[in-house]
Protein backbone atom coordinates (compact mmCIF):
# COMPACT_ATOMS: atom_id res chain seq x y z
CA MET A 1 -8.39 77.11 -47.97
CA LYS A 2 -9.09 80.12 -47.63
CA ASP A 3 -6.04 81.88 -46.13
CA PRO A 4 -6.54 81.33 -41.67
CA ARG A 5 -5.24 85.53 -41.46
CA ALA A 6 -7.50 88.40 -41.50
CA ALA A 7 -7.41 90.82 -44.44
CA PRO A 8 -4.57 93.46 -43.96
CA VAL A 9 -6.76 96.70 -43.09
CA LYS A 10 -7.09 98.85 -45.18
CA PRO A 11 -6.16 102.98 -43.73
CA LYS A 12 -9.10 105.02 -44.24
CA GLU A 13 -9.07 107.93 -46.53
CA ASP A 14 -9.33 111.81 -45.63
CA VAL A 15 -12.39 113.90 -45.52
CA TRP A 16 -10.85 115.54 -49.04
CA SER A 17 -12.96 118.52 -47.57
CA GLU A 18 -11.08 118.55 -44.37
CA SER A 19 -8.15 118.28 -46.40
CA GLU A 20 -5.40 121.56 -46.86
CA ASN A 21 -5.27 122.80 -49.90
CA ASP A 22 -6.96 125.82 -52.51
CA VAL A 23 -10.34 123.80 -54.55
CA THR A 24 -13.01 125.35 -53.13
CA HIS A 25 -15.93 122.50 -52.06
CA LEU A 26 -19.97 123.13 -52.74
CA THR A 27 -22.90 122.22 -50.94
CA ASP A 28 -26.64 122.37 -51.84
CA GLU A 29 -26.38 125.63 -49.73
CA ASP A 30 -24.01 127.45 -51.63
CA PHE A 31 -23.63 126.28 -54.87
CA ASP A 32 -25.38 128.26 -57.21
CA SER A 33 -24.54 131.69 -55.67
CA THR A 34 -20.70 130.41 -55.75
CA LEU A 35 -20.82 129.53 -58.64
CA ALA A 36 -22.77 133.58 -59.96
CA MET A 37 -19.89 134.91 -59.09
CA SER A 38 -17.60 133.14 -60.76
CA GLN A 39 -17.26 134.42 -64.40
CA SER A 40 -15.44 130.31 -65.42
CA ALA A 41 -15.08 127.41 -63.28
CA LEU A 42 -14.36 123.59 -63.26
CA VAL A 43 -16.49 121.48 -61.10
CA MET A 44 -15.98 117.90 -60.66
CA PHE A 45 -18.46 115.93 -58.30
CA TYR A 46 -16.66 113.44 -56.31
CA ALA A 47 -17.64 110.06 -55.54
CA PRO A 48 -15.23 108.99 -52.35
CA TRP A 49 -15.36 105.08 -53.65
CA CYS A 50 -14.16 106.41 -57.93
CA GLY A 51 -11.39 104.76 -59.11
CA HIS A 52 -11.32 107.26 -61.68
CA CYS A 53 -12.28 110.51 -59.32
CA LYS A 54 -10.00 109.43 -56.62
CA ARG A 55 -6.64 109.54 -59.76
CA MET A 56 -8.36 112.96 -60.34
CA LYS A 57 -8.41 114.05 -56.88
CA PRO A 58 -4.26 115.43 -57.63
CA GLU A 59 -5.04 116.85 -60.29
CA TYR A 60 -7.76 118.41 -59.68
CA GLU A 61 -5.62 119.47 -56.68
CA ASN A 62 -2.68 121.51 -58.65
CA ALA A 63 -5.25 122.77 -60.97
CA ALA A 64 -7.12 124.30 -58.49
CA THR A 65 -4.11 126.26 -57.32
CA ARG A 66 -3.11 126.98 -60.18
CA LEU A 67 -6.12 129.03 -61.29
CA LYS A 68 -5.99 130.51 -58.49
CA VAL A 69 -3.52 133.26 -59.21
């Protein structure tokens, strides 16, 4: 028998590129030029529906802050 209560509404996740952090978010327009200016870079291709990506997000933010120095 189905539960007559409505399913709980999941809170909408903020857009990562709009949140305050030290991660540089690249687009098609600036990907190559930004990487060409860097001697080394850590790149993550993020999919907002991916559980692995969501779990790695804070680690990348931490790495970006530590590498910013």
